Protein backbone atom coordinates (compact mmCIF):
# COMPACT_ATOMS: atom_id res chain seq x y z
CA GLN A 1 16.68 -6.73 82.99
CA VAL A 2 16.77 -9.91 85.06
CA GLN A 3 14.16 -11.11 87.52
CA LEU A 4 14.91 -13.80 90.10
CA VAL A 5 12.09 -15.69 91.78
CA GLU A 6 12.81 -17.82 94.85
CA SER A 7 10.81 -20.57 96.52
CA GLY A 8 11.19 -23.23 99.19
CA GLY A 9 11.75 -21.24 102.36
CA GLY A 10 9.96 -22.13 105.57
CA LEU A 11 10.20 -23.47 109.09
CA VAL A 12 12.13 -26.62 109.91
CA GLN A 13 13.44 -28.30 113.05
CA ALA A 14 17.14 -28.55 113.75
CA GLY A 15 18.62 -31.49 111.89
CA GLY A 16 16.02 -31.29 109.16
CA SER A 17 16.31 -30.37 105.50
CA LEU A 18 14.97 -27.79 103.05
CA THR A 19 15.49 -27.13 99.37
CA LEU A 20 15.50 -23.61 97.94
CA SER A 21 14.92 -22.97 94.25
CA CYS A 22 15.47 -19.93 92.05
CA ALA A 23 14.56 -19.18 88.46
CA ALA A 24 15.93 -16.29 86.41
CA SER A 25 13.95 -14.65 83.64
CA GLY A 26 14.16 -11.62 81.39
CA ARG A 27 16.14 -10.52 78.36
CA ILE A 28 19.24 -12.35 79.54
CA MET A 29 22.19 -12.61 77.21
CA GLU A 30 24.37 -14.62 79.58
CA ILE A 31 24.67 -15.58 83.25
CA SER A 32 28.16 -16.36 84.47
CA THR A 33 27.62 -17.26 88.13
CA MET A 34 24.53 -18.05 90.19
CA GLY A 35 24.40 -18.57 93.90
CA TRP A 36 22.86 -18.06 97.30
CA TYR A 37 23.57 -15.52 100.03
CA ARG A 38 21.96 -15.00 103.41
CA GLN A 39 21.43 -12.14 105.82
CA THR A 40 20.28 -11.68 109.41
CA PRO A 41 19.16 -8.39 110.99
CA GLY A 42 22.04 -6.01 111.65
CA ASN A 43 24.56 -8.09 109.74
CA GLU A 44 26.12 -7.97 106.30
CA ARG A 45 24.92 -10.28 103.60
CA GLU A 46 27.18 -13.32 103.45
CA LEU A 47 27.97 -15.89 100.81
CA VAL A 48 26.46 -19.34 101.22
CA ALA A 49 27.30 -21.03 97.93
CA THR A 50 27.94 -20.12 94.29
CA VAL A 51 28.50 -22.07 91.11
CA PRO A 52 29.97 -20.70 87.86
CA SER A 53 28.74 -21.84 84.49
CA GLY A 54 30.62 -25.05 83.80
CA GLY A 55 32.62 -24.67 87.00
CA THR A 56 32.86 -26.22 90.44
CA PRO A 57 30.73 -24.97 93.34
CA ASN A 58 32.10 -22.76 96.11
CA TYR A 59 30.80 -23.02 99.67
CA SER A 60 31.28 -21.02 102.82
CA ASP A 61 33.03 -22.93 105.58
CA SER A 62 29.93 -22.80 107.77
CA VAL A 63 27.81 -24.81 105.32
CA LYS A 64 30.38 -26.97 103.56
CA GLY A 65 29.46 -30.62 103.82
CA ARG A 66 25.84 -29.85 104.70
CA PHE A 67 24.55 -27.80 101.74
CA THR A 68 24.63 -28.69 98.06
CA ILE A 69 24.15 -26.19 95.23
CA SER A 70 22.92 -27.33 91.82
CA ARG A 71 22.45 -25.41 88.60
CA ASP A 72 20.71 -25.97 85.30
CA VAL A 73 22.51 -23.61 82.94
CA ALA A 74 20.09 -24.13 80.05
CA LYS A 75 17.06 -23.30 82.20
CA ASN A 76 18.71 -20.50 84.20
CA THR A 77 17.79 -22.10 87.49
CA VAL A 78 19.70 -22.84 90.67
CA SER A 79 18.77 -24.76 93.81
CA LEU A 80 20.21 -25.21 97.27
CA ARG A 81 19.72 -28.44 99.19
CA MET A 82 20.21 -27.76 102.89
CA ASN A 83 20.76 -30.76 105.16
CA SER A 84 21.49 -31.02 108.88
CA LEU A 85 20.12 -27.54 109.45
CA LYS A 86 21.14 -25.64 112.58
CA PRO A 87 19.46 -22.71 114.36
CA GLU A 88 22.34 -20.49 113.23
CA ASP A 89 21.27 -21.13 109.63
CA THR A 90 18.18 -19.03 110.29
CA ALA A 91 18.25 -16.08 107.88
CA VAL A 92 16.75 -14.54 104.79
CA TYR A 93 18.24 -16.31 101.80
CA PHE A 94 18.78 -14.41 98.55
CA CYS A 95 19.29 -15.79 95.08
CA ASN A 96 22.01 -14.08 93.07
CA ALA A 97 22.94 -14.02 89.39
CA HIS A 98 25.82 -12.25 87.71
CA ALA A 99 24.42 -11.52 84.28
CA VAL A 100 24.52 -9.28 81.24
CA VAL A 101 21.62 -7.73 79.37
CA ILE A 102 22.55 -5.97 76.13
CA PRO A 103 23.38 -3.08 75.96
CA PHE A 104 24.09 -2.89 79.70
CA PRO A 105 27.29 -4.08 81.38
CA TRP A 106 27.65 -7.09 83.63
CA LYS A 107 26.10 -6.69 87.06
CA ASP A 108 24.67 -8.60 90.00
CA TYR A 109 20.94 -9.26 90.22
CA TRP A 110 19.11 -10.31 93.38
CA GLY A 111 15.89 -12.03 94.32
CA GLN A 112 13.56 -10.62 96.95
CA GLY A 113 14.67 -13.18 99.54
CA THR A 114 12.99 -16.11 101.25
CA GLN A 115 12.91 -16.72 105.01
CA VAL A 116 14.44 -19.88 106.45
CA THR A 117 13.81 -20.49 110.14
CA VAL A 118 15.40 -23.40 112.01
CA SER A 119 13.97 -24.18 115.43
CA SER A 120 16.00 -25.75 118.22
């Protein structure tokens, strides 16, 4: 089993910055990809950014150039630096890890979510 714990959410004015952090723990054999997703009421959860182990990050078009994802593979942590925040970035942000725990197959694991609110 994998547990993901997030931190760093809060309230910020438009144009400001926040950094989200996530740490994975448990009897993890391997994590392939870690990333961040976000969701607003009544909408589907959407990708923000992901980064494979040893690979290049992927960003949604809406955040590209403003957000930066970083990962420490050895420590099983991932962070998201959010700059030039806009009101439309307001959402619950979820940490994600695609991982395997023997003897179970690969699957996605999710954090509980952290609220980010951007005021205009």
